[in-house]
Amino acid sequence: MGEPESTPLKLLPSKLAPGIARGLVFAGLGAIAFSGKAIVVKLAYRYQVDAVTLLMFRMLFAFPLFAAMAWWAGRDKPALTWRQWGQIGWVGFSGYYLASYLDFWGLQYISASLERLILYVNPTLVLLLGWVVYQRRIRAQQAWAMAISYAGVLVVFGHELRFDGAATVIGGGLVLASALSYAVYLVASGELVKQLGSLRLVGLASMVASVLCIAQFAILRPLSDAFVATEVIQLSVFNAVFCTAVPVLLVMLGVERLGAGLASQVGMLGPMSTLMMGVLILDEPFNLWILAGTVLVLSGVFLATRRPRGL
């Protein structure tokens, strides 16, 4: 399933076509819904639950939704080969299980705002991996984009380091490892996406990740740890539906109408919405350091995803 060409920002008419307008709404709502994941996780941590248990509940409740995605996208499609199943297993481990676990673990130590900013440097990590693994040239514009994005993360990181010290280092390192794990998946799965389509791949790989998360809990935790506060169950169901499965569909619908380039730029609503929800719901601090870091990260991502003139 190929992606439609991006619609350049300069070509958007003053009165948007219905398809483009709907695409903007879908992509924007998807970005905001995805960003709510960090807020829900931070709320759940208030009930003395750890990352292993919380991730297990999220993936347990999301599993039927992922299965439905995979079935829907795979209708009337050829059966998968053993090689494809092996690739799906790797994608599910790296891009969804490991990345999710490291992210949940890191959120035990750092604010939701810093977590979202670190994750948002993912496009620059993909550029770096492409350069290291495939010797893909990094343009000057992309190099500047990476420098600006990382400067923004360092601004917020340094500010939180003054107050939380070691916790910021541990949490920031875990979330950065999560972003790197997901970037590895993005770089390695290009051919598989072409073969299966993005929605089918997401559904199947997320099913693999769900099984791994549930197995991890069964191995590392006693069954008694599954008896948690009712609020944790409610938050996990909300996380599984509205911060996991629904945003996947919304972003897919946005990409279909806008193309990947413009959809990714609309996705820059994510860090800002996390910042605002963190302030309003979690009482996280809001100051010029956080605002400056957010602006820098978003500027860098915009440059990294923007197609230069003449290409």
Protein backbone atom coordinates (compact mmCIF):
# COMPACT_ATOMS: atom_id res chain seq x y z
CA MET A 1 0.00 0.00 0.00
CA GLY A 2 1.86 3.03 -1.28
CA GLU A 3 1.62 6.43 0.36
CA PRO A 4 0.17 9.30 -1.67
CA GLU A 5 2.45 12.17 -2.50
CA SER A 6 2.71 14.89 0.09
CA THR A 7 0.68 18.03 -0.52
CA PRO A 8 3.13 20.96 -0.30
CA LEU A 9 2.15 23.58 2.24
CA LYS A 10 2.52 26.37 -0.32
CA LEU A 11 -0.05 24.72 -2.61
CA LEU A 12 -2.80 24.50 -0.02
CA PRO A 13 -5.62 26.83 -1.09
CA SER A 14 -7.11 29.36 1.26
CA LYS A 15 -10.27 27.27 1.21
CA LEU A 16 -9.17 23.68 1.85
CA ALA A 17 -10.60 20.84 -0.23
CA PRO A 18 -12.82 18.54 1.87
CA GLY A 19 -10.34 15.64 1.64
CA ILE A 20 -7.41 17.79 2.81
CA ALA A 21 -9.48 19.36 5.59
CA ARG A 22 -10.50 15.93 6.86
CA GLY A 23 -6.90 14.78 6.60
CA LEU A 24 -5.74 17.68 8.75
CA VAL A 25 -8.40 16.84 11.35
CA PHE A 26 -7.52 13.14 11.36
CA ALA A 27 -3.77 13.74 11.62
CA GLY A 28 -4.19 16.41 14.29
CA LEU A 29 -6.53 14.33 16.45
CA GLY A 30 -4.25 11.31 16.04
CA ALA A 31 -1.22 13.29 17.21
CA ILE A 32 -3.10 14.63 20.24
CA ALA A 33 -4.45 11.17 21.10
CA PHE A 34 -0.98 9.61 20.86
CA SER A 35 0.43 12.32 23.11
CA GLY A 36 -2.15 11.50 25.78
CA LYS A 37 -0.42 8.17 26.41
CA ALA A 38 2.26 9.77 28.58
CA ILE A 39 -0.38 11.61 30.63
CA VAL A 40 -2.38 8.42 31.25
CA VAL A 41 0.75 6.51 32.25
CA LYS A 42 1.81 9.22 34.71
CA LEU A 43 -1.68 9.20 36.24
CA ALA A 44 -1.57 5.40 36.64
CA TYR A 45 1.80 5.56 38.40
CA ARG A 46 0.09 7.40 41.25
CA TYR A 47 -1.50 4.06 42.23
CA GLN A 48 1.80 2.29 43.03
CA VAL A 49 1.97 0.18 39.86
CA ASP A 50 5.18 -0.51 37.94
CA ALA A 51 6.03 -0.37 34.23
CA VAL A 52 5.85 -4.15 33.69
CA THR A 53 2.34 -4.40 35.13
CA LEU A 54 1.03 -1.24 33.49
CA LEU A 55 2.35 -2.19 30.07
CA MET A 56 0.82 -5.66 30.40
CA PHE A 57 -2.63 -4.21 31.02
CA ARG A 58 -2.33 -1.75 28.15
CA MET A 59 -1.37 -4.45 25.64
CA LEU A 60 -3.87 -6.96 27.03
CA PHE A 61 -6.76 -4.59 26.37
CA ALA A 62 -5.35 -3.44 23.03
CA PHE A 63 -4.76 -6.96 21.67
CA PRO A 64 -8.31 -7.49 20.30
CA LEU A 65 -8.13 -4.12 18.56
CA PHE A 66 -4.79 -4.96 16.95
CA ALA A 67 -6.17 -8.34 15.87
CA ALA A 68 -9.13 -6.60 14.23
CA MET A 69 -6.76 -4.22 12.39
CA ALA A 70 -4.64 -7.11 11.10
CA TRP A 71 -7.69 -9.08 9.97
CA TRP A 72 -9.29 -6.10 8.23
CA ALA A 73 -6.11 -5.10 6.41
CA GLY A 74 -5.28 -8.69 5.49
CA ARG A 75 -8.59 -9.64 3.88
CA ASP A 76 -8.16 -11.24 0.45
CA LYS A 77 -4.37 -10.86 0.78
CA PRO A 78 -1.86 -13.69 0.19
CA ALA A 79 -0.88 -15.80 3.19
CA LEU A 80 2.30 -14.75 4.95
CA THR A 81 5.53 -16.64 4.37
CA TRP A 82 7.71 -17.96 7.19
CA ARG A 83 10.25 -15.28 6.33
CA GLN A 84 7.61 -12.57 6.70
CA TRP A 85 6.48 -14.01 10.05
CA GLY A 86 10.09 -13.88 11.23
CA GLN A 87 10.38 -10.25 10.14
CA ILE A 88 7.10 -9.41 11.87
CA GLY A 89 8.43 -11.01 15.05
CA TRP A 90 11.53 -8.81 14.93
CA VAL A 91 9.50 -5.69 14.19
CA GLY A 92 7.11 -6.52 17.04
CA PHE A 93 10.01 -6.96 19.44
CA SER A 94 12.05 -3.88 18.51
CA GLY A 95 9.50 -1.37 17.31
CA TYR A 96 6.63 -2.08 19.68
CA TYR A 97 7.55 -4.25 22.69
CA LEU A 98 11.03 -2.94 23.54
CA ALA A 99 10.28 0.66 22.57
CA SER A 100 7.06 0.65 24.65
CA TYR A 101 8.66 -0.96 27.69
CA LEU A 102 11.60 1.44 27.76
CA ASP A 103 9.23 4.38 27.32
CA PHE A 104 6.93 3.29 30.17
CA TRP A 105 9.95 2.65 32.39
CA GLY A 106 11.44 6.06 31.61
CA LEU A 107 8.17 7.80 32.49
CA GLN A 108 8.67 6.65 36.07
CA TYR A 109 11.53 9.14 36.30
CA ILE A 110 10.85 12.14 34.06
CA SER A 111 8.00 14.47 33.17
CA ALA A 112 5.58 13.76 30.36
CA SER A 113 6.77 16.90 28.56
CA LEU A 114 10.42 15.84 28.47
CA GLU A 115 9.43 12.30 27.44
CA ARG A 116 7.46 13.58 24.45
CA LEU A 117 10.29 15.90 23.37
CA ILE A 118 12.84 13.07 23.48
CA LEU A 119 10.57 10.77 21.48
CA TYR A 120 10.02 13.51 18.96
CA VAL A 121 13.66 13.48 17.84
CA ASN A 122 12.85 10.12 16.21
CA PRO A 123 13.04 11.50 12.62
CA THR A 124 16.59 12.65 13.26
CA LEU A 125 17.53 9.24 14.68
CA VAL A 126 16.18 7.65 11.49
CA LEU A 127 18.42 9.99 9.47
CA LEU A 128 21.45 9.04 11.57
CA LEU A 129 20.75 5.31 11.27
CA GLY A 130 20.29 5.65 7.52
CA TRP A 131 23.68 7.35 7.35
CA VAL A 132 25.40 4.71 9.54
CA VAL A 133 23.76 1.60 8.07
CA TYR A 134 23.07 2.53 4.44
CA GLN A 135 25.55 5.42 3.95
CA ARG A 136 22.67 7.72 3.00
CA ARG A 137 23.88 11.29 2.68
CA ILE A 138 22.62 13.77 5.26
CA ARG A 139 21.87 17.14 3.67
CA ALA A 140 22.95 20.36 5.33
CA GLN A 141 19.31 21.19 6.07
CA GLN A 142 18.88 17.85 7.84
CA ALA A 143 22.08 18.33 9.83
CA TRP A 144 20.83 21.71 11.02
CA ALA A 145 17.50 20.12 11.87
CA MET A 146 19.18 17.53 14.07
CA ALA A 147 21.29 20.13 15.82
CA ILE A 148 18.24 22.30 16.56
CA SER A 149 16.15 19.35 17.81
CA TYR A 150 18.84 18.04 20.14
CA ALA A 151 19.51 21.54 21.43
CA GLY A 152 15.83 21.79 22.39
CA VAL A 153 15.93 18.47 24.24
CA LEU A 154 19.11 19.49 26.05
CA VAL A 155 17.51 22.77 27.16
CA VAL A 156 14.63 20.94 28.90
CA PHE A 157 16.86 18.07 30.03
CA GLY A 158 19.33 20.46 31.65
CA HIS A 159 16.51 22.34 33.37
CA GLU A 160 15.03 19.15 34.87
CA LEU A 161 18.51 17.86 35.76
CA ARG A 162 18.94 20.77 38.17
CA PHE A 163 15.94 19.58 40.19
CA ASP A 164 15.78 15.79 39.78
CA GLY A 165 19.41 14.90 39.17
CA ALA A 166 19.97 11.17 38.67
CA ALA A 167 16.27 10.49 38.00
CA THR A 168 16.39 12.76 34.93
CA VAL A 169 19.51 11.01 33.62
CA ILE A 170 18.00 7.54 34.08
CA GLY A 171 14.59 8.44 32.68
CA GLY A 172 15.98 10.45 29.80
CA GLY A 173 18.34 7.61 28.88
CA LEU A 174 15.53 5.05 28.90
CA VAL A 175 13.24 7.17 26.72
CA LEU A 176 16.08 7.93 24.31
CA ALA A 177 16.74 4.17 24.07
CA SER A 178 13.02 3.75 23.34
CA ALA A 179 13.21 6.27 20.51
CA LEU A 180 16.31 4.53 19.13
CA SER A 181 14.60 1.12 19.26
CA TYR A 182 11.65 2.50 17.31
CA ALA A 183 13.98 4.19 14.81
CA VAL A 184 15.71 0.84 14.20
CA TYR A 185 12.31 -0.65 13.39
CA LEU A 186 11.49 2.19 10.97
CA VAL A 187 14.78 1.84 9.13
CA ALA A 188 14.64 -1.97 8.95
CA SER A 189 10.98 -2.44 8.03
CA GLY A 190 10.74 -0.43 4.82
CA GLU A 191 10.45 -3.42 2.49
CA LEU A 192 8.04 -5.24 4.81
CA VAL A 193 5.71 -2.21 4.84
CA LYS A 194 5.61 -2.29 1.03
CA GLN A 195 4.73 -6.01 1.08
CA LEU A 196 2.05 -5.98 3.79
CA GLY A 197 0.82 -2.41 4.03
CA SER A 198 1.32 -0.26 7.10
CA LEU A 199 -1.99 -1.03 8.84
CA ARG A 200 -1.60 -4.81 8.52
CA LEU A 201 2.01 -4.62 9.71
CA VAL A 202 1.08 -2.44 12.71
CA GLY A 203 -1.70 -4.83 13.68
CA LEU A 204 0.42 -7.99 13.42
CA ALA A 205 3.56 -6.51 15.01
CA SER A 206 1.52 -5.06 17.86
CA MET A 207 -0.06 -8.47 18.47
CA VAL A 208 3.45 -9.90 18.81
CA ALA A 209 4.36 -7.09 21.21
CA SER A 210 1.19 -7.74 23.23
CA VAL A 211 2.11 -11.40 23.69
CA LEU A 212 5.64 -10.43 24.75
CA CYS A 213 4.36 -7.87 27.28
CA ILE A 214 1.94 -10.37 28.81
CA ALA A 215 4.65 -13.07 28.91
CA GLN A 216 7.07 -10.62 30.53
CA PHE A 217 4.58 -9.98 33.32
CA ALA A 218 3.93 -13.71 33.79
CA ILE A 219 7.67 -14.39 34.12
CA LEU A 220 8.74 -11.40 36.23
CA ARG A 221 5.74 -10.77 38.48
CA PRO A 222 3.54 -12.91 40.75
CA LEU A 223 -0.10 -13.23 39.75
CA SER A 224 -1.07 -11.18 42.79
CA ASP A 225 0.43 -8.10 41.12
CA ALA A 226 -2.43 -8.22 38.62
CA PHE A 227 -4.84 -7.19 41.38
CA VAL A 228 -4.51 -3.44 41.08
CA ALA A 229 -6.67 -0.42 41.82
CA THR A 230 -9.80 -0.05 39.71
CA GLU A 231 -8.45 3.28 38.47
CA VAL A 232 -5.43 1.51 36.93
CA ILE A 233 -7.73 -0.80 34.96
CA GLN A 234 -9.83 2.14 33.78
CA LEU A 235 -6.77 4.14 32.75
CA SER A 236 -5.31 1.10 30.95
CA VAL A 237 -8.50 0.57 28.96
CA PHE A 238 -8.53 4.25 28.04
CA ASN A 239 -4.85 4.06 27.07
CA ALA A 240 -5.38 0.94 24.94
CA VAL A 241 -8.35 2.35 23.05
CA PHE A 242 -7.94 6.10 22.80
CA CYS A 243 -4.13 6.51 23.05
CA THR A 244 -3.08 3.38 21.13
CA ALA A 245 -5.55 1.86 18.64
CA VAL A 246 -7.67 4.88 17.70
CA PRO A 247 -4.69 7.17 16.97
CA VAL A 248 -3.17 4.52 14.69
CA LEU A 249 -6.31 4.64 12.55
CA LEU A 250 -6.54 8.43 12.68
CA VAL A 251 -2.94 8.93 11.59
CA MET A 252 -3.38 6.36 8.80
CA LEU A 253 -6.45 8.23 7.55
CA GLY A 254 -4.50 11.48 7.74
CA VAL A 255 -1.56 10.07 5.77
CA GLU A 256 -3.91 8.73 3.08
CA ARG A 257 -5.32 12.23 2.51
CA LEU A 258 -2.25 14.38 3.10
CA GLY A 259 0.79 12.24 2.41
CA ALA A 260 3.45 11.36 4.96
CA GLY A 261 5.27 14.71 4.81
CA LEU A 262 2.38 17.01 5.65
CA ALA A 263 0.90 14.50 8.09
CA SER A 264 4.18 14.41 10.02
CA GLN A 265 4.20 18.22 10.20
CA VAL A 266 0.64 18.21 11.56
CA GLY A 267 1.89 15.66 14.09
CA MET A 268 3.95 18.42 15.67
CA LEU A 269 0.80 19.17 17.64
CA GLY A 270 1.79 16.18 19.77
CA PRO A 271 4.52 17.74 21.96
CA MET A 272 2.50 20.92 22.45
CA SER A 273 -0.60 18.99 23.50
CA THR A 274 1.50 16.87 25.90
CA LEU A 275 2.94 20.04 27.37
CA MET A 276 -0.48 21.58 27.88
CA MET A 277 -2.04 18.39 29.31
CA GLY A 278 0.94 17.94 31.60
CA VAL A 279 0.40 21.41 33.02
CA LEU A 280 -3.40 21.15 33.30
CA ILE A 281 -3.78 17.51 34.40
CA LEU A 282 -0.49 16.58 36.10
CA ASP A 283 0.41 20.01 37.50
CA GLU A 284 3.78 19.83 35.76
CA PRO A 285 5.70 23.11 35.68
CA PHE A 286 5.52 25.42 32.69
CA ASN A 287 8.29 27.95 32.18
CA LEU A 288 10.40 29.60 29.51
CA TRP A 289 12.95 26.76 29.52
CA ILE A 290 10.30 24.18 28.60
CA LEU A 291 8.69 26.48 26.05
CA ALA A 292 12.06 27.26 24.42
CA GLY A 293 12.99 23.58 24.28
CA THR A 294 9.65 22.67 22.73
CA VAL A 295 9.95 25.37 20.06
CA LEU A 296 13.47 24.22 19.18
CA VAL A 297 12.48 20.55 18.91
CA LEU A 298 9.45 21.32 16.74
CA SER A 299 11.53 23.61 14.51
CA GLY A 300 14.10 20.87 14.04
CA VAL A 301 11.47 18.26 13.21
CA PHE A 302 9.87 20.66 10.71
CA LEU A 303 13.21 21.12 8.94
CA ALA A 304 13.95 17.39 9.00
CA THR A 305 10.62 16.48 7.37
CA ARG A 306 10.45 19.37 4.93
CA ARG A 307 11.33 18.58 1.34
CA PRO A 308 13.88 21.06 -0.04
CA ARG A 309 13.05 23.07 -3.14
CA GLY A 310 13.77 21.38 -6.41
CA LEU A 311 13.28 17.82 -5.10
